[in-house]
Amino acid sequence: MDSKTLKGKNIILASGSPRRQTFLKELGLDFSIQLKEVEETYPRHLKREKITNFLALKKAKAFTDLNKNDILITADTIVWFKNTALGKPKNLQQAEEMLKKLSGHKHLVITSVCLKNATKEKIFSCITKVYFNTLSPESIAYYLKKFNPLDKAGSYGIQEWIGYVGVKKIKGSYFNVMGFPVHKLYEELLRF
């Protein structure tokens, strides 16, 4: 860890995601977690990373009392499938419908991250292609029963059982599919 670069910085993660919190811990970063309620709505004309950029920035703008030693980290992830954004499902029925759609097809996982302090902000995004095997109704039912799809874009966690049996291949960052393009986040933090 390049401690000189981040020495004296107050890193704030504005995410309740346990996966994102684990990534920062495993990078060796000291950080606090601060959450603000932000309605995750966006203009309907936006597509792909313009959606996640908009939402990551919207989450960052909720923090109005930052100083120059703060580095706020906000993020948003969507699954982009057939020209449609799939976010987190509202219930198990919606989760089942999403998984049926993704079954046997390729989709994109898009994550945008916003770094912000009192004087500047930086937004970057990462796109990973994920290729799903055909999922049987029994596999989908098992996953929905044993795991929690409701806090995950596209209704699945690649690091869980469905990722083991359902993902044929990926092109791009595996960690991005989990919620953070960790390599890019680390580079951008050191530059910020």
C-alpha atoms as a PDB file:
ATOM      1  CA  MET A   1       0.000   0.000   0.000  1.00  0.00           C
ATOM      2  CA  ASP A   2       1.346   3.417  -0.942  1.00  0.00           C
ATOM      3  CA  SER A   3       0.659   4.944   2.466  1.00  0.00           C
ATOM      4  CA  LYS A   4       2.392   8.239   1.640  1.00  0.00           C
ATOM      5  CA  THR A   5      -0.127   9.022  -1.095  1.00  0.00           C
ATOM      6  CA  LEU A   6      -3.171   8.403   1.113  1.00  0.00           C
ATOM      7  CA  LYS A   7      -1.645   9.541   4.436  1.00  0.00           C
ATOM      8  CA  GLY A   8      -3.906  12.030   6.174  1.00  0.00           C
ATOM      9  CA  LYS A   9      -6.839  11.184   3.906  1.00  0.00           C
ATOM     10  CA  ASN A  10     -10.199  10.375   5.420  1.00  0.00           C
ATOM     11  CA  ILE A  11     -11.698   7.686   3.167  1.00  0.00           C
ATOM     12  CA  ILE A  12     -15.481   7.424   3.356  1.00  0.00           C
ATOM     13  CA  LEU A  13     -17.352   4.568   1.700  1.00  0.00           C
ATOM     14  CA  ALA A  14     -20.974   5.470   0.991  1.00  0.00           C
ATOM     15  CA  SER A  15     -22.166   1.914   0.453  1.00  0.00           C
ATOM     16  CA  GLY A  16     -23.880  -0.703   2.572  1.00  0.00           C
ATOM     17  CA  SER A  17     -22.587  -3.461   0.278  1.00  0.00           C
ATOM     18  CA  PRO A  18     -20.637  -6.038   2.305  1.00  0.00           C
ATOM     19  CA  ARG A  19     -18.674  -6.935  -0.837  1.00  0.00           C
ATOM     20  CA  ARG A  20     -17.507  -3.344  -1.394  1.00  0.00           C
ATOM     21  CA  GLN A  21     -16.567  -3.038   2.281  1.00  0.00           C
ATOM     22  CA  THR A  22     -14.526  -6.250   2.073  1.00  0.00           C
ATOM     23  CA  PHE A  23     -12.672  -4.998  -1.002  1.00  0.00           C
ATOM     24  CA  LEU A  24     -11.540  -1.825   0.794  1.00  0.00           C
ATOM     25  CA  LYS A  25     -10.464  -3.839   3.855  1.00  0.00           C
ATOM     26  CA  GLU A  26      -8.497  -6.228   1.654  1.00  0.00           C
ATOM     27  CA  LEU A  27      -6.786  -3.269  -0.048  1.00  0.00           C
ATOM     28  CA  GLY A  28      -5.494  -2.346   3.415  1.00  0.00           C
ATOM     29  CA  LEU A  29      -7.431   0.925   3.562  1.00  0.00           C
ATOM     30  CA  ASP A  30      -8.682   2.599   6.714  1.00  0.00           C
ATOM     31  CA  PHE A  31     -12.163   3.895   5.982  1.00  0.00           C
ATOM     32  CA  SER A  32     -15.479   4.753   7.548  1.00  0.00           C
ATOM     33  CA  ILE A  33     -18.931   3.919   6.239  1.00  0.00           C
ATOM     34  CA  GLN A  34     -21.495   6.676   5.870  1.00  0.00           C
ATOM     35  CA  LEU A  35     -24.847   6.091   4.247  1.00  0.00           C
ATOM     36  CA  LYS A  36     -27.332   8.636   2.958  1.00  0.00           C
ATOM     37  CA  GLU A  37     -30.749   7.823   1.543  1.00  0.00           C
ATOM     38  CA  VAL A  38     -30.715   8.543  -2.193  1.00  0.00           C
ATOM     39  CA  GLU A  39     -33.510   7.593  -4.547  1.00  0.00           C
ATOM     40  CA  GLU A  40     -31.873   5.550  -7.304  1.00  0.00           C
ATOM     41  CA  THR A  41     -33.829   7.035 -10.190  1.00  0.00           C
ATOM     42  CA  TYR A  42     -32.378   8.400 -13.419  1.00  0.00           C
ATOM     43  CA  PRO A  43     -33.595   9.971 -16.661  1.00  0.00           C
ATOM     44  CA  ARG A  44     -35.001   7.209 -18.899  1.00  0.00           C
ATOM     45  CA  HIS A  45     -33.037   8.339 -21.963  1.00  0.00           C
ATOM     46  CA  LEU A  46     -29.718   7.351 -20.322  1.00  0.00           C
ATOM     47  CA  LYS A  47     -28.054   4.119 -21.448  1.00  0.00           C
ATOM     48  CA  ARG A  48     -25.351   1.807 -20.126  1.00  0.00           C
ATOM     49  CA  GLU A  49     -22.551   3.560 -18.173  1.00  0.00           C
ATOM     50  CA  LYS A  50     -24.360   6.904 -18.438  1.00  0.00           C
ATOM     51  CA  ILE A  51     -26.902   5.413 -16.002  1.00  0.00           C
ATOM     52  CA  THR A  52     -24.297   4.239 -13.496  1.00  0.00           C
ATOM     53  CA  ASN A  53     -22.269   7.469 -13.860  1.00  0.00           C
ATOM     54  CA  PHE A  54     -25.418   9.480 -13.148  1.00  0.00           C
ATOM     55  CA  LEU A  55     -26.323   7.395 -10.079  1.00  0.00           C
ATOM     56  CA  ALA A  56     -22.793   7.295  -8.618  1.00  0.00           C
ATOM     57  CA  LEU A  57     -22.631  11.106  -8.941  1.00  0.00           C
ATOM     58  CA  LYS A  58     -26.131  11.503  -7.498  1.00  0.00           C
ATOM     59  CA  LYS A  59     -25.078   9.486  -4.446  1.00  0.00           C
ATOM     60  CA  ALA A  60     -21.930  11.631  -4.073  1.00  0.00           C
ATOM     61  CA  LYS A  61     -23.881  14.893  -4.306  1.00  0.00           C
ATOM     62  CA  ALA A  62     -25.836  13.896  -1.192  1.00  0.00           C
ATOM     63  CA  PHE A  63     -22.628  14.596   0.760  1.00  0.00           C
ATOM     64  CA  THR A  64     -22.326  18.378   0.995  1.00  0.00           C
ATOM     65  CA  ASP A  65     -20.028  18.721   4.001  1.00  0.00           C
ATOM     66  CA  LEU A  66     -16.786  17.177   2.723  1.00  0.00           C
ATOM     67  CA  ASN A  67     -13.379  18.769   3.231  1.00  0.00           C
ATOM     68  CA  LYS A  68     -10.219  18.570   1.128  1.00  0.00           C
ATOM     69  CA  ASN A  69      -8.775  15.648   3.146  1.00  0.00           C
ATOM     70  CA  ASP A  70     -11.865  13.519   2.589  1.00  0.00           C
ATOM     71  CA  ILE A  71     -12.171  11.016  -0.218  1.00  0.00           C
ATOM     72  CA  LEU A  72     -15.774   9.930  -0.590  1.00  0.00           C
ATOM     73  CA  ILE A  73     -16.368   6.759  -2.603  1.00  0.00           C
ATOM     74  CA  THR A  74     -19.801   6.113  -4.128  1.00  0.00           C
ATOM     75  CA  ALA A  75     -20.673   3.485  -6.691  1.00  0.00           C
ATOM     76  CA  ASP A  76     -23.492   2.027  -8.716  1.00  0.00           C
ATOM     77  CA  THR A  77     -23.743  -1.274 -10.604  1.00  0.00           C
ATOM     78  CA  ILE A  78     -26.261  -2.417 -13.189  1.00  0.00           C
ATOM     79  CA  VAL A  79     -26.652  -5.400 -15.453  1.00  0.00           C
ATOM     80  CA  TRP A  80     -27.210  -4.264 -19.053  1.00  0.00           C
ATOM     81  CA  PHE A  81     -29.193  -6.806 -21.053  1.00  0.00           C
ATOM     82  CA  LYS A  82     -30.930  -6.335 -24.408  1.00  0.00           C
ATOM     83  CA  ASN A  83     -30.827  -2.544 -24.161  1.00  0.00           C
ATOM     84  CA  THR A  84     -32.340  -2.579 -20.660  1.00  0.00           C
ATOM     85  CA  ALA A  85     -30.851  -1.868 -17.225  1.00  0.00           C
ATOM     86  CA  LEU A  86     -31.449  -4.542 -14.617  1.00  0.00           C
ATOM     87  CA  GLY A  87     -30.875  -3.251 -11.108  1.00  0.00           C
ATOM     88  CA  LYS A  88     -31.656  -4.965  -7.815  1.00  0.00           C
ATOM     89  CA  PRO A  89     -34.888  -6.977  -7.824  1.00  0.00           C
ATOM     90  CA  LYS A  90     -37.711  -5.783  -5.588  1.00  0.00           C
ATOM     91  CA  ASN A  91     -38.838  -9.315  -4.680  1.00  0.00           C
ATOM     92  CA  LEU A  92     -38.127 -12.993  -5.369  1.00  0.00           C
ATOM     93  CA  GLN A  93     -40.545 -13.142  -8.291  1.00  0.00           C
ATOM     94  CA  GLN A  94     -38.691 -10.307 -10.021  1.00  0.00           C
ATOM     95  CA  ALA A  95     -35.378 -12.030  -9.212  1.00  0.00           C
ATOM     96  CA  GLU A  96     -36.619 -15.237 -10.828  1.00  0.00           C
ATOM     97  CA  GLU A  97     -37.726 -13.328 -13.947  1.00  0.00           C
ATOM     98  CA  MET A  98     -34.314 -11.659 -14.248  1.00  0.00           C
ATOM     99  CA  LEU A  99     -32.427 -14.938 -13.950  1.00  0.00           C
ATOM    100  CA  LYS A 100     -34.692 -16.549 -16.575  1.00  0.00           C
ATOM    101  CA  LYS A 101     -33.911 -13.646 -18.935  1.00  0.00           C
ATOM    102  CA  LEU A 102     -30.146 -13.904 -18.381  1.00  0.00           C
ATOM    103  CA  SER A 103     -30.120 -17.710 -18.742  1.00  0.00           C
ATOM    104  CA  GLY A 104     -28.190 -18.801 -21.841  1.00  0.00           C
ATOM    105  CA  HIS A 105     -27.248 -15.236 -22.833  1.00  0.00           C
ATOM    106  CA  LYS A 106     -24.460 -12.665 -22.605  1.00  0.00           C
ATOM    107  CA  HIS A 107     -24.934  -9.493 -20.560  1.00  0.00           C
ATOM    108  CA  LEU A 108     -22.806  -6.601 -19.395  1.00  0.00           C
ATOM    109  CA  VAL A 109     -22.088  -5.702 -15.791  1.00  0.00           C
ATOM    110  CA  ILE A 110     -21.391  -1.983 -15.547  1.00  0.00           C
ATOM    111  CA  THR A 111     -20.067  -0.300 -12.423  1.00  0.00           C
ATOM    112  CA  SER A 112     -19.353   3.396 -12.047  1.00  0.00           C
ATOM    113  CA  VAL A 113     -17.418   4.876  -9.149  1.00  0.00           C
ATOM    114  CA  CYS A 114     -17.317   8.504  -8.051  1.00  0.00           C
ATOM    115  CA  LEU A 115     -14.483   9.873  -5.900  1.00  0.00           C
ATOM    116  CA  LYS A 116     -15.253  13.246  -4.332  1.00  0.00           C
ATOM    117  CA  ASN A 117     -13.896  15.750  -1.831  1.00  0.00           C
ATOM    118  CA  ALA A 118     -14.635  19.423  -1.138  1.00  0.00           C
ATOM    119  CA  THR A 119     -12.980  20.670  -4.330  1.00  0.00           C
ATOM    120  CA  LYS A 120     -13.127  17.961  -6.983  1.00  0.00           C
ATOM    121  CA  GLU A 121     -14.780  14.795  -8.188  1.00  0.00           C
ATOM    122  CA  LYS A 122     -13.762  11.989 -10.530  1.00  0.00           C
ATOM    123  CA  ILE A 123     -16.085   9.444 -12.142  1.00  0.00           C
ATOM    124  CA  PHE A 124     -14.920   6.294 -13.903  1.00  0.00           C
ATOM    125  CA  SER A 125     -16.640   3.124 -15.039  1.00  0.00           C
ATOM    126  CA  CYS A 126     -15.820  -0.471 -15.875  1.00  0.00           C
ATOM    127  CA  ILE A 127     -17.679  -2.929 -18.114  1.00  0.00           C
ATOM    128  CA  THR A 128     -17.431  -6.721 -17.900  1.00  0.00           C
ATOM    129  CA  LYS A 129     -19.074  -9.175 -20.317  1.00  0.00           C
ATOM    130  CA  VAL A 130     -20.650 -12.178 -18.582  1.00  0.00           C
ATOM    131  CA  TYR A 131     -21.786 -15.278 -20.504  1.00  0.00           C
ATOM    132  CA  PHE A 132     -24.393 -17.426 -18.736  1.00  0.00           C
ATOM    133  CA  ASN A 133     -25.062 -21.107 -19.284  1.00  0.00           C
ATOM    134  CA  THR A 134     -28.694 -22.110 -19.669  1.00  0.00           C
ATOM    135  CA  LEU A 135     -30.109 -22.334 -16.155  1.00  0.00           C
ATOM    136  CA  SER A 136     -32.737 -24.952 -15.359  1.00  0.00           C
ATOM    137  CA  PRO A 137     -35.832 -23.851 -13.424  1.00  0.00           C
ATOM    138  CA  GLU A 138     -34.581 -26.102 -10.591  1.00  0.00           C
ATOM    139  CA  SER A 139     -31.199 -24.318 -10.495  1.00  0.00           C
ATOM    140  CA  ILE A 140     -32.879 -20.914 -10.358  1.00  0.00           C
ATOM    141  CA  ALA A 141     -35.264 -22.088  -7.607  1.00  0.00           C
ATOM    142  CA  TYR A 142     -32.368 -23.535  -5.580  1.00  0.00           C
ATOM    143  CA  TYR A 143     -30.372 -20.309  -5.846  1.00  0.00           C
ATOM    144  CA  LEU A 144     -33.326 -18.138  -4.855  1.00  0.00           C
ATOM    145  CA  LYS A 145     -34.024 -20.360  -1.836  1.00  0.00           C
ATOM    146  CA  LYS A 146     -30.447 -20.614  -0.539  1.00  0.00           C
ATOM    147  CA  PHE A 147     -29.035 -17.150  -1.323  1.00  0.00           C
ATOM    148  CA  ASN A 148     -30.153 -13.518  -1.165  1.00  0.00           C
ATOM    149  CA  PRO A 149     -30.536 -12.084  -4.678  1.00  0.00           C
ATOM    150  CA  LEU A 150     -32.369  -8.947  -3.516  1.00  0.00           C
ATOM    151  CA  ASP A 151     -29.236  -6.877  -2.829  1.00  0.00           C
ATOM    152  CA  LYS A 152     -27.567  -7.653  -6.155  1.00  0.00           C
ATOM    153  CA  ALA A 153     -27.911  -6.070  -9.597  1.00  0.00           C
ATOM    154  CA  GLY A 154     -29.291  -8.650 -12.005  1.00  0.00           C
ATOM    155  CA  SER A 155     -30.340 -10.871  -9.061  1.00  0.00           C
ATOM    156  CA  TYR A 156     -27.105 -12.807  -8.735  1.00  0.00           C
ATOM    157  CA  GLY A 157     -23.700 -12.825  -7.086  1.00  0.00           C
ATOM    158  CA  ILE A 158     -20.961 -14.282  -9.285  1.00  0.00           C
ATOM    159  CA  GLN A 159     -19.067 -15.316  -6.131  1.00  0.00           C
ATOM    160  CA  GLU A 160     -22.004 -17.512  -5.037  1.00  0.00           C
ATOM    161  CA  TRP A 161     -23.282 -20.913  -6.177  1.00  0.00           C
ATOM    162  CA  ILE A 162     -24.960 -19.509  -9.301  1.00  0.00           C
ATOM    163  CA  GLY A 163     -21.624 -18.110 -10.444  1.00  0.00           C
ATOM    164  CA  TYR A 164     -20.013 -21.523 -10.053  1.00  0.00           C
ATOM    165  CA  VAL A 165     -22.621 -23.365 -12.120  1.00  0.00           C
ATOM    166  CA  GLY A 166     -24.130 -20.640 -14.278  1.00  0.00           C
ATOM    167  CA  VAL A 167     -21.290 -18.486 -15.581  1.00  0.00           C
ATOM    168  CA  LYS A 168     -19.652 -19.948 -18.678  1.00  0.00           C
ATOM    169  CA  LYS A 169     -17.011 -17.222 -19.050  1.00  0.00           C
ATOM    170  CA  ILE A 170     -16.351 -13.554 -18.487  1.00  0.00           C
ATOM    171  CA  LYS A 171     -14.385 -10.912 -20.382  1.00  0.00           C
ATOM    172  CA  GLY A 172     -13.102  -8.191 -18.116  1.00  0.00           C
ATOM    173  CA  SER A 173     -12.845  -7.687 -14.359  1.00  0.00           C
ATOM    174  CA  TYR A 174     -14.285 -10.433 -12.159  1.00  0.00           C
ATOM    175  CA  PHE A 175     -14.308  -8.049  -9.180  1.00  0.00           C
ATOM    176  CA  ASN A 176     -16.334  -5.538 -11.182  1.00  0.00           C
ATOM    177  CA  VAL A 177     -19.109  -8.148 -11.377  1.00  0.00           C
ATOM    178  CA  MET A 178     -18.945  -8.371  -7.570  1.00  0.00           C
ATOM    179  CA  GLY A 179     -19.447  -4.600  -7.302  1.00  0.00           C
ATOM    180  CA  PHE A 180     -16.106  -2.782  -7.590  1.00  0.00           C
ATOM    181  CA  PRO A 181     -13.451  -2.656 -10.321  1.00  0.00           C
ATOM    182  CA  VAL A 182     -10.830  -2.929  -7.575  1.00  0.00           C
ATOM    183  CA  HIS A 183      -7.741  -2.481  -9.789  1.00  0.00           C
ATOM    184  CA  LYS A 184      -9.132   0.739 -11.267  1.00  0.00           C
ATOM    185  CA  LEU A 185     -10.385   1.998  -7.894  1.00  0.00           C
ATOM    186  CA  TYR A 186      -6.912   1.563  -6.379  1.00  0.00           C
ATOM    187  CA  GLU A 187      -5.236   3.415  -9.288  1.00  0.00           C
ATOM    188  CA  GLU A 188      -7.722   6.278  -9.095  1.00  0.00           C
ATOM    189  CA  LEU A 189      -7.452   6.594  -5.304  1.00  0.00           C
ATOM    190  CA  LEU A 190      -3.671   6.960  -5.556  1.00  0.00           C
ATOM    191  CA  ARG A 191      -4.112   9.644  -8.246  1.00  0.00           C
ATOM    192  CA  PHE A 192      -6.916  11.524  -6.458  1.00  0.00           C
END
